């Protein structure tokens, strides 16, 4: 496995570097990247950015906002947070979080941290989240990345993000701050974030057979091109607000929160957008385009979408649940 240390704390550069490794570096090899960002909110690919952030707070505190390639929810990064990314060939049909979280959990346990994988895609310490994970799968390749809150300013986490009221209510949770924690207090020997990152490299090297890879000028030039083409663009990071005559949302067990924004004319769908913290193997926009002109009736929806296909757009959702969401 090639080990790549990002030379930058610029979030746009780092997400471009991930994409470069994923799309352009040789296949039949796996890669591990460790990196940190300056103050940033990273939103999931399918989220409505404006609904996920506290815009006034973000603007006043000069927090950057960037969209990533993978689904899932919005997360906060600062220099007290360490990010990890695994990129590898992928032949399975499902998202597999445990394979990539296991070596990280083992590394943390070796440093005295009682870490465990909990729920759909979180790592926790005694029930409190310190790591959110997401995946992007394309053409036989998987990118798995996650956060490691080590010594982050947790007050900013709760101020900068705008958590879903539905999510908090459904889980009986009072706030973002109360359900997250830093790793540092649980270490046998607490240390600065930079030293923790070095120890993490060392521990992961024991289980991942790491070979250092130095980015050369050609690599960096390609990363810069991706950054300018994608991650520097407002259209990618924010996009336009959804056209929305009807706005509904629901939490689906095992899938996540899905928001449906649609316009109707004489009972038929004229505009349709999906947002949320779900994971997908196919672009939900493809499904939305297919349903333009479809009457908003259960029999019409079932005729338009094959039953076995819905889970490709919304992981762990079936056609009954999809129809229930559209018609609720």
Protein backbone atom coordinates (compact mmCIF):
# COMPACT_ATOMS: atom_id res chain seq x y z
CA UNK A 1 0.00 0.00 0.00
CA UNK A 2 1.38 3.43 -1.00
CA UNK A 3 1.47 5.99 1.82
CA UNK A 4 0.88 9.60 0.78
CA UNK A 5 1.26 12.54 3.16
CA UNK A 6 -0.49 15.63 1.87
CA UNK A 7 1.82 18.67 1.80
CA UNK A 8 -1.09 21.09 2.27
CA UNK A 9 -3.82 22.05 4.74
CA UNK A 10 -5.92 23.66 1.99
CA UNK A 11 -9.18 21.66 1.77
CA UNK A 12 -9.64 22.29 -1.94
CA UNK A 13 -6.16 20.96 -2.65
CA UNK A 14 -6.69 17.91 -0.45
CA UNK A 15 -9.99 16.92 -2.03
CA UNK A 16 -8.41 17.40 -5.46
CA UNK A 17 -5.51 15.18 -4.35
CA UNK A 18 -7.95 12.45 -3.32
CA UNK A 19 -9.65 12.65 -6.70
CA UNK A 20 -6.30 12.56 -8.52
CA UNK A 21 -5.22 9.42 -6.67
CA UNK A 22 -8.61 7.82 -7.28
CA UNK A 23 -8.91 8.67 -10.98
CA UNK A 24 -5.36 8.83 -12.29
CA UNK A 25 -2.84 6.92 -10.20
CA UNK A 26 -2.18 3.28 -11.17
CA UNK A 27 -4.82 0.68 -10.38
CA UNK A 28 -4.03 -2.74 -8.92
CA UNK A 29 -2.50 -0.79 -6.06
CA UNK A 30 -3.98 0.60 -2.88
CA UNK A 31 -3.26 3.95 -1.28
CA UNK A 32 -3.47 5.52 2.17
CA UNK A 33 -3.44 9.27 2.58
CA UNK A 34 -3.30 11.22 5.86
CA UNK A 35 -4.12 14.91 5.77
CA UNK A 36 -5.41 17.88 7.72
CA UNK A 37 -7.45 20.90 6.73
CA UNK A 38 -7.67 24.46 7.95
CA UNK A 39 -11.13 25.38 9.28
CA UNK A 40 -13.57 23.84 6.83
CA UNK A 41 -17.03 22.34 6.55
CA UNK A 42 -17.00 19.45 4.08
CA UNK A 43 -20.49 18.61 2.83
CA UNK A 44 -21.62 15.32 1.32
CA UNK A 45 -22.14 15.07 -2.42
CA UNK A 46 -25.94 14.88 -2.24
CA UNK A 47 -26.50 17.58 0.39
CA UNK A 48 -28.00 21.04 0.02
CA UNK A 49 -25.08 23.12 1.31
CA UNK A 50 -27.27 26.02 2.42
CA UNK A 51 -29.33 23.69 4.62
CA UNK A 52 -26.26 22.13 6.28
CA UNK A 53 -24.33 25.18 7.48
CA UNK A 54 -24.88 28.13 9.79
CA UNK A 55 -24.09 30.63 7.05
CA UNK A 56 -23.71 33.70 9.31
CA UNK A 57 -21.31 31.89 11.63
CA UNK A 58 -19.34 30.39 8.75
CA UNK A 59 -18.95 33.78 7.09
CA UNK A 60 -18.02 35.63 10.29
CA UNK A 61 -15.39 33.04 11.20
CA UNK A 62 -14.00 32.65 7.66
CA UNK A 63 -14.67 28.91 7.58
CA UNK A 64 -14.27 27.38 4.13
CA UNK A 65 -17.04 25.21 2.67
CA UNK A 66 -16.21 22.46 0.17
CA UNK A 67 -18.20 19.58 -1.31
CA UNK A 68 -16.65 16.10 -1.53
CA UNK A 69 -17.23 13.28 -4.01
CA UNK A 70 -18.81 10.87 -1.52
CA UNK A 71 -22.24 10.87 0.08
CA UNK A 72 -22.97 11.07 3.79
CA UNK A 73 -23.29 14.07 6.08
CA UNK A 74 -21.47 17.35 6.62
CA UNK A 75 -18.39 17.32 8.86
CA UNK A 76 -16.17 19.99 10.40
CA UNK A 77 -12.39 19.99 9.95
CA UNK A 78 -9.71 22.03 11.69
CA UNK A 79 -6.02 21.46 12.40
CA UNK A 80 -6.95 19.40 15.47
CA UNK A 81 -8.63 16.85 13.21
CA UNK A 82 -6.76 14.21 11.19
CA UNK A 83 -8.32 12.77 8.04
CA UNK A 84 -7.53 9.40 6.50
CA UNK A 85 -8.31 8.14 3.00
CA UNK A 86 -8.04 4.60 1.66
CA UNK A 87 -8.26 4.09 -2.11
CA UNK A 88 -8.34 0.56 -3.52
CA UNK A 89 -9.82 -1.70 -6.18
CA UNK A 90 -13.36 -2.78 -5.34
CA UNK A 91 -15.33 -5.73 -6.69
CA UNK A 92 -18.23 -5.89 -4.22
CA UNK A 93 -21.73 -4.58 -4.72
CA UNK A 94 -22.18 -3.03 -1.27
CA UNK A 95 -20.53 -0.30 0.75
CA UNK A 96 -18.06 -1.87 3.19
CA UNK A 97 -17.01 0.37 6.06
CA UNK A 98 -15.59 -2.20 8.45
CA UNK A 99 -12.73 -3.29 6.16
CA UNK A 100 -11.25 0.21 6.17
CA UNK A 101 -12.17 1.18 9.73
CA UNK A 102 -10.62 -1.93 11.30
CA UNK A 103 -6.96 -0.91 10.82
CA UNK A 104 -7.70 2.57 12.17
CA UNK A 105 -9.44 1.11 15.22
CA UNK A 106 -6.51 -1.26 15.77
CA UNK A 107 -4.06 1.67 15.55
CA UNK A 108 -6.07 3.71 18.06
CA UNK A 109 -6.38 0.77 20.44
CA UNK A 110 -2.60 0.38 20.38
CA UNK A 111 -2.43 4.00 21.58
CA UNK A 112 -4.82 3.28 24.45
CA UNK A 113 -8.01 4.54 22.83
CA UNK A 114 -11.13 2.32 23.31
CA UNK A 115 -12.45 2.88 19.79
CA UNK A 116 -15.22 0.91 18.07
CA UNK A 117 -17.27 0.96 14.87
CA UNK A 118 -20.83 1.95 15.66
CA UNK A 119 -23.92 2.22 13.49
CA UNK A 120 -23.83 2.82 9.79
CA UNK A 121 -20.54 4.68 9.41
CA UNK A 122 -19.32 6.13 12.71
CA UNK A 123 -16.43 5.30 15.03
CA UNK A 124 -17.07 6.04 18.68
CA UNK A 125 -15.49 6.08 22.12
CA UNK A 126 -17.89 5.04 24.88
CA UNK A 127 -20.85 5.96 22.72
CA UNK A 128 -19.55 9.34 21.59
CA UNK A 129 -18.60 9.93 17.97
CA UNK A 130 -15.07 10.93 17.00
CA UNK A 131 -15.09 9.78 13.37
CA UNK A 132 -17.54 9.99 10.51
CA UNK A 133 -16.82 7.89 7.42
CA UNK A 134 -18.06 7.91 3.85
CA UNK A 135 -17.32 6.10 0.60
CA UNK A 136 -17.32 6.79 -3.11
CA UNK A 137 -17.48 3.83 -5.51
CA UNK A 138 -16.93 4.10 -9.25
CA UNK A 139 -15.81 1.75 -12.01
CA UNK A 140 -14.34 -0.93 -9.75
CA UNK A 141 -12.65 1.50 -7.40
CA UNK A 142 -13.50 2.63 -3.86
CA UNK A 143 -12.49 5.71 -1.91
CA UNK A 144 -13.07 5.44 1.84
CA UNK A 145 -12.35 8.50 3.95
CA UNK A 146 -12.98 9.48 7.53
CA UNK A 147 -12.33 12.13 10.14
CA UNK A 148 -10.48 11.65 13.42
CA UNK A 149 -11.39 14.37 15.90
CA UNK A 150 -8.20 14.47 17.93
CA UNK A 151 -7.99 17.95 19.45
CA UNK A 152 -10.65 19.90 17.55
CA UNK A 153 -12.56 22.89 18.85
CA UNK A 154 -15.88 21.16 19.50
CA UNK A 155 -17.67 24.44 20.20
CA UNK A 156 -17.16 25.34 16.55
CA UNK A 157 -18.57 21.97 15.45
CA UNK A 158 -21.90 22.73 17.10
CA UNK A 159 -21.95 26.37 15.96
CA UNK A 160 -20.95 25.93 12.32
CA UNK A 161 -23.17 22.99 11.41
CA UNK A 162 -26.96 23.12 11.19
CA UNK A 163 -28.04 19.60 12.25
CA UNK A 164 -31.28 18.12 11.03
CA UNK A 165 -34.05 18.48 13.59
CA UNK A 166 -35.49 15.19 12.33
CA UNK A 167 -32.19 13.41 12.93
CA UNK A 168 -31.90 14.73 16.46
CA UNK A 169 -35.52 13.91 17.28
CA UNK A 170 -35.40 10.40 15.84
CA UNK A 171 -32.32 9.53 17.86
CA UNK A 172 -33.39 11.38 21.00
CA UNK A 173 -30.18 13.44 20.93
CA UNK A 174 -30.05 16.99 22.31
CA UNK A 175 -27.13 18.49 20.37
CA UNK A 176 -24.11 17.95 18.15
CA UNK A 177 -21.72 18.89 20.98
CA UNK A 178 -23.10 16.27 23.38
CA UNK A 179 -22.59 13.37 20.99
CA UNK A 180 -19.04 14.01 19.76
CA UNK A 181 -15.69 13.77 21.51
CA UNK A 182 -12.00 14.26 20.87
CA UNK A 183 -9.55 11.35 20.94
CA UNK A 184 -6.82 13.15 22.89
CA UNK A 185 -8.29 12.73 26.42
CA UNK A 186 -8.33 8.94 25.95
CA UNK A 187 -4.69 8.57 24.92
CA UNK A 188 -2.24 6.78 27.23
CA UNK A 189 0.15 9.63 26.47
CA UNK A 190 -1.59 12.77 25.16
CA UNK A 191 0.53 14.60 22.57
CA UNK A 192 0.24 17.39 19.99
CA UNK A 193 -1.78 16.66 16.87
CA UNK A 194 1.35 16.51 14.68
CA UNK A 195 2.87 13.84 16.96
CA UNK A 196 -0.40 11.89 16.96
CA UNK A 197 -0.33 11.90 13.18
CA UNK A 198 3.21 10.48 13.20
CA UNK A 199 2.20 7.76 15.66
CA UNK A 200 -0.83 6.95 13.53
CA UNK A 201 1.38 6.50 10.47
CA UNK A 202 3.63 4.18 12.46
CA UNK A 203 0.77 2.07 13.84
CA UNK A 204 -1.00 1.81 10.49
CA UNK A 205 2.28 0.76 8.91
CA UNK A 206 2.27 -2.35 11.10
CA UNK A 207 -0.98 -3.61 9.57
CA UNK A 208 -1.03 -2.04 6.09
CA UNK A 209 2.51 -2.73 4.77
CA UNK A 210 3.02 0.92 3.81
CA UNK A 211 5.51 2.13 1.19
CA UNK A 212 6.04 5.94 1.16
CA UNK A 213 5.18 7.73 -2.07
CA UNK A 214 6.49 11.25 -2.73
CA UNK A 215 4.32 13.47 -4.91
CA UNK A 216 6.35 14.92 -7.78
CA UNK A 217 5.83 18.10 -9.79
CA UNK A 218 3.75 16.25 -12.39
CA UNK A 219 1.42 14.93 -9.67
CA UNK A 220 1.03 18.38 -8.12
CA UNK A 221 0.27 20.00 -11.47
CA UNK A 222 -2.51 17.49 -12.10
CA UNK A 223 -3.93 18.07 -8.61
CA UNK A 224 -3.95 21.81 -9.23
CA UNK A 225 -5.88 21.33 -12.48
CA UNK A 226 -8.53 19.29 -10.66
CA UNK A 227 -8.73 21.85 -7.90
CA UNK A 228 -9.36 24.69 -10.34
CA UNK A 229 -11.83 22.71 -12.43
CA UNK A 230 -13.89 21.36 -9.52
CA UNK A 231 -13.21 22.42 -5.94
CA UNK A 232 -12.56 26.14 -6.53
CA UNK A 233 -15.96 26.50 -8.19
CA UNK A 234 -18.94 27.94 -6.31
CA UNK A 235 -21.21 25.84 -8.53
CA UNK A 236 -19.67 22.64 -7.13
CA UNK A 237 -19.46 23.66 -3.49
CA UNK A 238 -22.83 25.40 -3.19
CA UNK A 239 -24.78 24.95 -6.40
CA UNK A 240 -28.18 26.54 -6.83
CA UNK A 241 -31.05 26.35 -4.38
CA UNK A 242 -33.54 23.64 -5.34
CA UNK A 243 -36.67 24.48 -7.30
CA UNK A 244 -39.18 23.45 -4.71
CA UNK A 245 -42.97 23.67 -4.72
CA UNK A 246 -43.19 20.66 -2.41
CA UNK A 247 -40.47 20.01 0.17
CA UNK A 248 -40.59 16.79 2.19
CA UNK A 249 -38.05 14.76 4.11
CA UNK A 250 -37.88 11.45 5.92
CA UNK A 251 -35.32 9.36 7.76
CA UNK A 252 -35.10 5.81 6.43
CA UNK A 253 -33.53 3.23 8.71
CA UNK A 254 -30.18 2.06 7.38
CA UNK A 255 -30.23 4.64 4.60
CA UNK A 256 -30.17 8.09 6.18
CA UNK A 257 -32.14 11.28 5.77
CA UNK A 258 -33.58 12.03 2.34
CA UNK A 259 -35.08 15.35 1.31
CA UNK A 260 -37.31 15.47 -1.76
CA UNK A 261 -37.93 18.77 -3.54
CA UNK A 262 -40.42 18.66 -6.40
CA UNK A 263 -42.71 20.70 -8.60
CA UNK A 264 -45.97 19.34 -9.98
CA UNK A 265 -48.16 20.35 -12.89
CA UNK A 266 -51.55 18.69 -13.19
CA UNK A 267 -50.34 15.94 -10.85
CA UNK A 268 -47.19 15.08 -12.85
CA UNK A 269 -43.60 15.71 -11.76
CA UNK A 270 -42.05 18.74 -13.50
CA UNK A 271 -38.90 19.18 -11.40
CA UNK A 272 -37.34 16.82 -8.87
CA UNK A 273 -34.22 16.90 -6.68
CA UNK A 274 -32.93 14.61 -3.93
CA UNK A 275 -30.74 15.76 -1.04
CA UNK A 276 -29.46 14.01 2.07
CA UNK A 277 -26.73 12.15 3.90
CA UNK A 278 -27.38 8.86 2.09
CA UNK A 279 -24.87 6.82 0.08
CA UNK A 280 -25.42 5.85 -3.54
CA UNK A 281 -23.81 3.82 -6.30
CA UNK A 282 -25.74 5.58 -9.07
CA UNK A 283 -26.37 9.32 -9.31
CA UNK A 284 -29.81 10.21 -7.88
CA UNK A 285 -30.05 12.92 -10.55
CA UNK A 286 -30.41 10.12 -13.11
CA UNK A 287 -33.47 8.84 -11.28
CA UNK A 288 -34.87 12.36 -10.97
CA UNK A 289 -34.59 12.91 -14.72
CA UNK A 290 -36.30 9.59 -15.41
CA UNK A 291 -39.28 10.60 -13.26
CA UNK A 292 -39.91 13.94 -14.99
CA UNK A 293 -43.43 13.72 -16.43
CA UNK A 294 -44.37 10.77 -14.21
CA UNK A 295 -47.70 11.15 -12.37
CA UNK A 296 -47.20 11.30 -8.61
CA UNK A 297 -49.12 8.10 -7.99
CA UNK A 298 -47.86 4.84 -6.53
CA UNK A 299 -48.65 2.68 -9.55
CA UNK A 300 -46.89 5.15 -11.87
CA UNK A 301 -43.80 5.30 -9.66
CA UNK A 302 -43.62 1.51 -9.47
CA UNK A 303 -43.90 1.26 -13.25
CA UNK A 304 -41.14 3.82 -13.77
CA UNK A 305 -38.56 2.33 -11.40
CA UNK A 306 -37.59 -1.38 -11.30
CA UNK A 307 -37.84 -2.72 -7.74
CA UNK A 308 -34.23 -3.91 -7.59
CA UNK A 309 -32.81 -0.61 -8.77
CA UNK A 310 -33.78 1.77 -5.96
CA UNK A 311 -31.00 0.52 -3.67
CA UNK A 312 -28.46 1.65 -6.27
CA UNK A 313 -29.61 5.25 -5.80
CA UNK A 314 -30.28 5.12 -2.05
CA UNK A 315 -28.36 2.45 -0.15
CA UNK A 316 -30.60 0.10 1.89
CA UNK A 317 -33.86 1.56 0.57
CA UNK A 318 -36.48 -0.58 -1.17
CA UNK A 319 -39.22 0.42 -3.60
CA UNK A 320 -41.93 0.40 -0.92
CA UNK A 321 -39.94 2.89 1.16
CA UNK A 322 -39.25 5.04 -1.90
CA UNK A 323 -42.93 5.22 -2.82
CA UNK A 324 -43.76 6.04 0.79
CA UNK A 325 -41.23 8.88 0.72
CA UNK A 326 -42.52 10.34 -2.55
CA UNK A 327 -46.16 10.14 -1.48
CA UNK A 328 -45.92 11.13 2.20
